[in-house]
Each structure stands twice: as C-alpha cells, then as structure tokens.
C-alpha cells in the first residue's frame, strides 16, 4: 500500500522480538504499550 502523495501521517512498524510498533501521528509518539489510552480517546 504505497501512495504517490505525501502521507498525512507516518506509521513506521518495527517487529523485532517484542513486536514494537511505533506509530507517529503528527507530533504524537506512542507505542503498543501506551496506545490503549489513544484508542479510548
């Protein structure tokens, strides 16, 4: 899934051992350990 236009947000996904997923939304950085509060927001 690639876009030729500039994406609104970047979501670099790094699966390494503990499956660390770092999602960058604007200036908000959070990982899967803290994303619960964002999903409930």
N, C-alpha and C. Protein backbone atom coordinates (compact mmCIF):
# COMPACT_ATOMS: atom_id res chain seq x y z
N UNK A 1 0.85 -1.20 0.00
CA UNK A 1 0.00 0.00 0.00
C UNK A 1 0.88 1.25 0.00
N UNK A 2 1.17 1.73 -1.20
CA UNK A 2 2.02 2.91 -1.30
C UNK A 2 1.27 4.05 -1.96
N UNK A 3 1.51 5.24 -1.46
CA UNK A 3 0.86 6.42 -2.03
C UNK A 3 1.91 7.29 -2.71
N UNK A 4 1.55 7.86 -3.85
CA UNK A 4 2.48 8.75 -4.54
C UNK A 4 2.45 10.13 -3.92
N UNK A 5 1.39 10.41 -3.15
CA UNK A 5 1.27 11.71 -2.49
C UNK A 5 1.87 11.63 -1.09
N UNK A 6 2.08 12.78 -0.48
CA UNK A 6 2.65 12.82 0.86
C UNK A 6 1.61 12.35 1.87
N UNK A 7 1.93 11.31 2.62
CA UNK A 7 1.00 10.77 3.62
C UNK A 7 0.73 11.77 4.74
N UNK A 8 -0.47 11.75 5.26
CA UNK A 8 -0.85 12.66 6.33
C UNK A 8 -0.11 12.27 7.60
N UNK A 9 0.11 10.98 7.77
CA UNK A 9 0.82 10.50 8.95
C UNK A 9 1.76 9.38 8.56
N UNK A 10 2.80 9.19 9.37
CA UNK A 10 3.74 8.12 9.11
C UNK A 10 3.63 7.08 10.20
N UNK A 11 3.60 5.82 9.81
CA UNK A 11 3.47 4.76 10.80
C UNK A 11 4.54 3.69 10.59
N UNK A 12 5.76 4.00 11.05
CA UNK A 12 6.84 3.02 10.96
C UNK A 12 6.59 1.84 11.87
N UNK A 13 6.54 0.64 11.30
CA UNK A 13 6.26 -0.54 12.11
C UNK A 13 7.51 -1.40 12.21
N UNK A 14 7.95 -1.61 13.44
CA UNK A 14 9.15 -2.41 13.66
C UNK A 14 8.80 -3.65 14.47
N UNK A 15 8.87 -4.81 13.80
CA UNK A 15 8.57 -6.05 14.52
C UNK A 15 9.88 -6.74 14.86
N UNK A 16 10.30 -6.60 16.09
CA UNK A 16 11.56 -7.18 16.50
C UNK A 16 11.43 -7.81 17.88
N UNK A 17 11.28 -9.11 17.93
CA UNK A 17 11.19 -9.80 19.21
C UNK A 17 9.87 -9.50 19.91
N UNK A 18 9.83 -8.37 20.60
CA UNK A 18 8.65 -7.98 21.38
C UNK A 18 7.59 -7.32 20.52
N UNK A 19 7.82 -7.29 19.21
CA UNK A 19 6.87 -6.67 18.29
C UNK A 19 6.57 -5.23 18.70
N UNK A 20 7.58 -4.39 18.61
CA UNK A 20 7.42 -2.99 18.97
C UNK A 20 6.89 -2.20 17.78
N UNK A 21 5.69 -1.66 17.94
CA UNK A 21 5.10 -0.89 16.85
C UNK A 21 5.04 0.58 17.25
N UNK A 22 5.85 1.39 16.57
CA UNK A 22 5.88 2.80 16.88
C UNK A 22 5.08 3.57 15.84
N UNK A 23 4.05 4.23 16.29
CA UNK A 23 3.19 4.97 15.36
C UNK A 23 3.38 6.46 15.60
N UNK A 24 3.63 7.18 14.53
CA UNK A 24 3.83 8.63 14.64
C UNK A 24 2.66 9.37 14.01
N UNK A 25 1.90 10.06 14.85
CA UNK A 25 0.77 10.85 14.35
C UNK A 25 1.07 12.32 14.64
N UNK A 26 1.51 13.03 13.61
CA UNK A 26 1.88 14.43 13.79
C UNK A 26 3.07 14.53 14.72
N UNK A 27 2.84 15.02 15.93
CA UNK A 27 3.92 15.13 16.91
C UNK A 27 3.69 14.18 18.07
N UNK A 28 2.68 13.31 17.92
CA UNK A 28 2.36 12.38 19.00
C UNK A 28 3.01 11.03 18.75
N UNK A 29 3.89 10.63 19.64
CA UNK A 29 4.56 9.35 19.51
C UNK A 29 4.11 8.41 20.61
N UNK A 30 3.67 7.23 20.23
CA UNK A 30 3.27 6.26 21.23
C UNK A 30 3.44 4.85 20.68
N UNK A 31 3.68 3.90 21.56
CA UNK A 31 3.87 2.53 21.11
C UNK A 31 2.70 1.66 21.58
N UNK A 32 2.78 0.38 21.30
CA UNK A 32 1.67 -0.52 21.62
C UNK A 32 1.47 -0.65 23.12
N UNK A 33 2.46 -0.21 23.89
CA UNK A 33 2.35 -0.32 25.35
C UNK A 33 1.47 0.80 25.91
N UNK A 34 1.34 1.87 25.14
CA UNK A 34 0.58 3.03 25.63
C UNK A 34 -0.58 3.41 24.71
N UNK A 35 -0.76 2.64 23.63
CA UNK A 35 -1.76 3.05 22.65
C UNK A 35 -3.20 2.87 23.12
N UNK A 36 -3.39 2.20 24.25
CA UNK A 36 -4.74 1.96 24.76
C UNK A 36 -5.45 3.27 25.07
N UNK A 37 -4.75 4.20 25.69
CA UNK A 37 -5.35 5.48 26.05
C UNK A 37 -5.70 6.29 24.80
N UNK A 38 -4.93 6.09 23.73
CA UNK A 38 -5.19 6.81 22.50
C UNK A 38 -6.39 6.21 21.78
N UNK A 39 -6.52 4.87 21.85
CA UNK A 39 -7.65 4.20 21.22
C UNK A 39 -8.95 4.52 21.93
N UNK A 40 -8.87 4.76 23.23
CA UNK A 40 -10.05 5.08 24.02
C UNK A 40 -10.40 6.56 23.96
N UNK A 41 -9.48 7.34 23.39
CA UNK A 41 -9.70 8.78 23.34
C UNK A 41 -10.81 9.13 22.35
